[in-house]
Protein backbone atom coordinates (compact mmCIF):
# COMPACT_ATOMS: atom_id res chain seq x y z
CA MET A 1 151.87 180.57 112.87
CA ASP A 2 152.12 180.59 117.16
CA ILE A 3 149.75 179.02 119.14
CA VAL A 4 148.94 180.29 122.57
CA GLU A 5 146.91 178.99 125.52
CA ILE A 6 144.76 181.86 127.26
CA LEU A 7 142.32 179.37 128.88
CA PRO A 8 141.86 175.27 128.87
CA ARG A 9 138.77 176.80 125.86
CA LEU A 10 140.56 179.67 124.41
CA HIS A 11 143.61 180.23 122.17
CA LEU A 12 145.37 182.62 120.62
CA LEU A 13 146.42 181.77 116.78
CA ARG A 14 149.08 184.58 116.07
CA PHE A 15 149.77 185.17 112.83
CA ALA A 16 152.89 187.17 110.51
CA VAL A 17 149.88 190.55 111.53
CA GLY A 18 147.28 189.94 113.51
CA GLN A 19 145.43 187.01 115.12
CA ALA A 20 142.40 185.19 115.92
CA TYR A 21 141.13 183.01 118.60
CA LEU A 22 140.09 180.00 118.91
CA TRP A 23 137.19 178.94 121.39
CA ARG A 24 136.32 175.21 122.26
CA ASP A 25 132.60 174.62 124.20
CA GLY A 26 133.17 170.68 124.13
CA ASP A 27 133.86 169.70 120.91
CA GLU A 28 131.80 172.20 118.95
CA LEU A 29 134.42 175.59 118.10
CA THR A 30 134.02 178.62 117.08
CA LEU A 31 137.16 181.17 115.84
CA VAL A 32 137.35 184.91 116.21
CA ASP A 33 138.33 186.13 112.56
CA SER A 34 139.96 184.27 111.02
CA GLY A 35 143.63 185.46 109.81
CA ALA A 36 144.62 186.99 106.13
CA ARG A 37 144.31 185.26 102.56
CA GLY A 38 146.13 181.71 103.18
CA ALA A 39 145.42 181.31 106.76
CA GLY A 40 143.36 178.50 105.82
CA ALA A 41 145.40 175.49 106.53
CA PRO A 42 147.48 176.87 108.78
CA VAL A 43 144.46 177.08 111.32
CA VAL A 44 142.90 173.79 110.56
CA ASP A 45 146.81 172.20 111.49
CA ALA A 46 146.25 174.40 114.67
CA ILE A 47 143.18 172.83 115.29
CA THR A 48 144.15 169.95 114.83
CA SER A 49 147.32 170.20 116.84
CA LEU A 50 145.17 171.26 119.73
CA GLY A 51 142.93 167.65 119.30
CA GLY A 52 140.01 169.27 117.89
CA ASP A 53 138.39 168.19 114.67
CA PRO A 54 138.57 171.05 112.49
CA ALA A 55 135.09 169.53 111.08
CA ARG A 56 133.75 171.21 114.19
CA LEU A 57 134.35 174.49 113.49
CA ARG A 58 131.20 175.92 113.76
CA ARG A 59 131.43 179.36 112.67
CA ILE A 60 133.87 182.10 112.06
CA VAL A 61 132.93 185.54 114.11
CA LEU A 62 134.46 188.63 111.91
CA THR A 63 135.24 191.71 114.04
CA HIS A 64 135.51 193.75 110.72
CA PHE A 65 136.20 193.45 107.43
CA HIS A 66 140.24 194.08 106.96
CA GLU A 67 142.26 191.71 105.36
CA ASP A 68 144.22 190.09 108.42
CA HIS A 69 141.45 189.61 110.36
CA ALA A 70 138.91 188.65 107.14
CA ASP A 71 140.65 187.34 104.03
CA GLY A 72 141.04 183.61 105.59
CA ALA A 73 137.86 183.29 105.62
CA GLY A 74 136.59 182.28 103.10
CA GLU A 75 139.33 179.24 102.66
CA LEU A 76 138.26 178.16 106.24
CA ALA A 77 134.01 177.81 105.65
CA ALA A 78 135.42 176.04 102.23
CA ALA A 79 137.59 173.55 103.97
CA THR A 80 135.34 173.11 107.30
CA GLY A 81 131.78 174.19 106.37
CA ALA A 82 131.73 176.41 108.48
CA GLU A 83 129.50 179.66 108.93
CA VAL A 84 130.74 182.60 108.61
CA LEU A 85 129.32 185.90 110.65
CA ALA A 86 129.94 189.71 110.41
CA HIS A 87 128.18 193.13 111.10
CA ARG A 88 125.34 193.92 108.37
CA LEU A 89 128.06 196.69 107.34
CA ASP A 90 130.93 195.03 106.82
CA ALA A 91 129.66 191.69 105.77
CA PRO A 92 129.05 193.33 101.81
CA VAL A 93 133.34 194.15 102.11
CA VAL A 94 133.51 190.49 103.14
CA LEU A 95 131.99 189.09 100.24
CA GLY A 96 133.43 191.41 97.72
CA GLU A 97 130.67 192.92 96.76
CA LEU A 98 131.31 196.51 97.92
CA PRO A 99 135.36 198.30 98.44
CA GLY A 100 136.46 198.82 102.17
CA PRO A 101 136.41 202.50 102.93
CA PRO A 102 140.16 203.08 103.92
CA PRO A 103 141.46 204.34 107.02
CA VAL A 104 141.71 207.74 107.62
CA PHE A 105 145.11 207.66 109.27
CA GLU A 106 147.02 210.29 111.89
CA ASP A 107 150.27 211.37 110.17
CA TRP A 108 152.08 209.33 112.46
CA GLU A 109 150.46 206.01 111.77
CA ARG A 110 151.10 206.00 107.74
CA PRO A 111 154.49 204.18 108.34
CA LEU A 112 153.34 201.99 110.54
CA HIS A 113 150.37 200.62 108.10
CA ALA A 114 152.88 200.74 105.23
CA ALA A 115 154.88 198.17 107.31
CA ALA A 116 152.43 195.67 108.07
CA ALA A 117 151.21 196.02 104.77
CA ALA A 118 154.16 194.52 103.39
CA ARG A 119 154.11 191.91 105.18
CA LEU A 120 150.43 190.66 104.12
CA PRO A 121 149.78 187.87 101.08
CA HIS A 122 149.36 189.74 97.84
CA GLY A 123 146.24 188.55 95.53
CA GLU A 124 142.58 188.41 95.84
CA PRO A 125 141.19 186.24 98.42
CA VAL A 126 138.93 183.53 98.57
CA ARG A 127 135.35 184.92 99.38
CA PRO A 128 132.98 183.37 101.76
CA ALA A 129 129.88 181.92 99.98
CA GLU A 130 127.88 183.41 102.27
CA VAL A 131 127.72 185.44 105.69
CA THR A 132 125.27 186.01 108.21
CA GLY A 133 124.95 189.50 108.82
CA LEU A 134 124.94 190.46 112.83
CA SER A 135 123.52 193.17 114.59
CA GLY A 136 124.03 195.27 118.06
CA GLY A 137 122.14 192.95 120.82
CA ASP A 138 122.45 189.95 118.65
CA THR A 139 123.44 186.58 120.27
CA VAL A 140 125.89 183.92 119.26
CA ASP A 141 124.85 180.90 119.82
CA PHE A 142 128.69 179.74 121.80
CA GLY A 143 130.20 180.57 124.84
CA GLY A 144 127.64 180.52 126.77
CA GLY A 145 125.96 183.33 125.05
CA ALA A 146 128.00 185.52 123.21
CA ARG A 147 126.91 189.10 123.26
CA VAL A 148 127.13 190.90 119.81
CA LEU A 149 128.43 195.05 120.48
CA HIS A 150 128.18 197.06 117.75
CA VAL A 151 131.40 199.54 118.44
CA PRO A 152 131.67 201.77 115.02
CA GLY A 153 134.71 203.98 113.83
CA HIS A 154 137.73 201.33 112.96
CA THR A 155 135.27 200.55 110.15
CA HIS A 156 131.66 200.86 110.15
CA GLY A 157 131.15 197.72 111.22
CA SER A 158 133.18 196.88 113.57
CA ILE A 159 131.79 194.67 116.46
CA ALA A 160 133.21 193.14 119.34
CA LEU A 161 131.76 189.78 121.35
CA HIS A 162 131.28 190.02 125.32
CA LEU A 163 131.09 186.06 127.15
CA PRO A 164 129.05 187.18 130.56
CA ARG A 165 129.51 183.77 131.37
CA HIS A 166 132.76 183.72 130.91
CA GLY A 167 134.09 187.48 131.85
CA VAL A 168 135.75 186.90 128.06
CA LEU A 169 135.52 190.22 125.59
CA PHE A 170 137.21 190.00 121.86
CA THR A 171 137.37 193.48 121.15
CA GLY A 172 138.79 193.42 117.62
CA ASP A 173 140.93 196.79 116.75
CA THR A 174 138.55 198.98 118.59
CA VAL A 175 141.55 198.21 120.99
CA ALA A 176 145.02 197.42 121.25
CA ALA A 177 148.18 196.44 123.29
CA SER A 178 151.35 198.23 122.43
CA PRO A 179 153.80 195.79 121.01
CA VAL A 180 156.76 197.92 122.73
CA ASP A 181 155.55 198.31 126.01
CA GLY A 182 152.20 195.76 126.47
CA ALA A 183 150.21 199.73 127.23
CA VAL A 184 146.57 199.38 126.52
CA MET A 185 145.32 201.71 123.83
CA PRO A 186 142.61 202.48 121.34
CA GLY A 187 143.25 200.67 117.77
CA VAL A 188 144.91 202.53 115.19
CA PHE A 189 143.93 202.84 110.80
CA ASN A 190 140.26 203.90 111.87
CA LEU A 191 137.30 205.56 110.26
CA ASP A 192 136.99 207.84 112.61
CA ARG A 193 138.99 208.14 116.13
CA SER A 194 136.80 209.47 117.83
CA GLU A 195 133.90 206.69 117.39
CA THR A 196 136.65 204.50 118.17
CA LEU A 197 137.29 206.40 121.06
CA ALA A 198 133.61 206.43 122.14
CA SER A 199 133.55 202.87 121.30
CA PHE A 200 136.39 202.23 123.57
CA HIS A 201 134.61 203.47 126.70
CA ARG A 202 131.80 201.37 126.23
CA LEU A 203 133.78 197.70 125.96
CA ALA A 204 136.10 199.63 129.29
CA ALA A 205 133.00 199.97 131.00
CA LEU A 206 131.91 196.18 130.94
CA ASP A 207 132.52 193.64 133.19
CA THR A 208 135.74 191.37 131.97
CA GLU A 209 138.19 189.30 133.51
CA VAL A 210 140.07 188.48 129.81
CA ALA A 211 140.20 190.42 127.60
CA CYS A 212 141.32 189.50 123.79
CA PHE A 213 142.51 192.47 120.97
CA GLY A 214 142.76 191.90 117.34
CA HIS A 215 147.09 193.23 117.86
CA GLY A 216 149.26 192.75 120.98
CA ASP A 217 149.03 190.98 123.85
CA PRO A 218 145.55 189.42 125.57
CA VAL A 219 144.79 190.99 129.02
CA THR A 220 144.14 187.78 131.09
CA ALA A 221 143.19 189.20 134.34
CA ARG A 222 141.38 192.13 135.95
CA ALA A 223 140.21 193.32 132.36
CA GLY A 224 137.74 195.60 133.05
CA ALA A 225 139.81 197.79 135.60
CA VAL A 226 142.70 197.50 133.25
CA LEU A 227 140.67 199.05 130.16
CA ARG A 228 139.38 201.52 132.12
CA GLU A 229 142.60 202.53 132.95
CA ALA A 230 143.54 203.31 129.45
CA ALA A 231 139.64 204.71 128.90
CA GLN A 232 141.52 207.49 131.41
CA ARG A 233 144.24 208.10 129.61
CA HIS A 234 142.18 208.45 126.18
CA PRO A 235 139.67 210.55 127.20
CA VAL A 236 136.44 211.53 124.52
CA ARG A 237 136.97 214.63 123.12
CA GLY A 238 133.88 216.83 121.39
């Protein structure tokens, strides 16, 4: 796992597939997404290597239920005592109470998905004992007040987190950066691409300086302008 400093209080934790973000308020920590099954111990080691105390991980906020973002949450919660939070529509999938609906693939997405799935660990993840359900408009107590934005399309319960005080946006998989050229683009493997595009445009309208994606390198300056430029290349249709 790679550890990349984005801001003094914000680090990207990059896994074989996907990534998570560690935010620090003083000595209190918040993790946005958790990585896949087996990510618990590497994340604990990363916190320690950054001079943090894993016992000060207060919360794990999941942007959606997909395994590369949520399947490490149970291990981490058990190891640290952190609260797990997800949108109320995705929480039953994170808990293992309901199956997650599969994406509706564009033809060109199928080989990409197969390649990513082959790199993920197999087996049943450790499920969190409980998940706090979120709704759009809620505020999570980190980063001076993280606004929860319901951005359906990638999954029914996909969320983004906006930290207005710091100009930081966590988009989950509603937005991605291309691994080829870094171009900002709508996320792939969606339940409803038209909904994803509408959510993308809502995020692009925000005043943000730093944008952190579920896949690909973050934008660390003028993120709002970069997102708006990308939104123009991907108009909402119909």
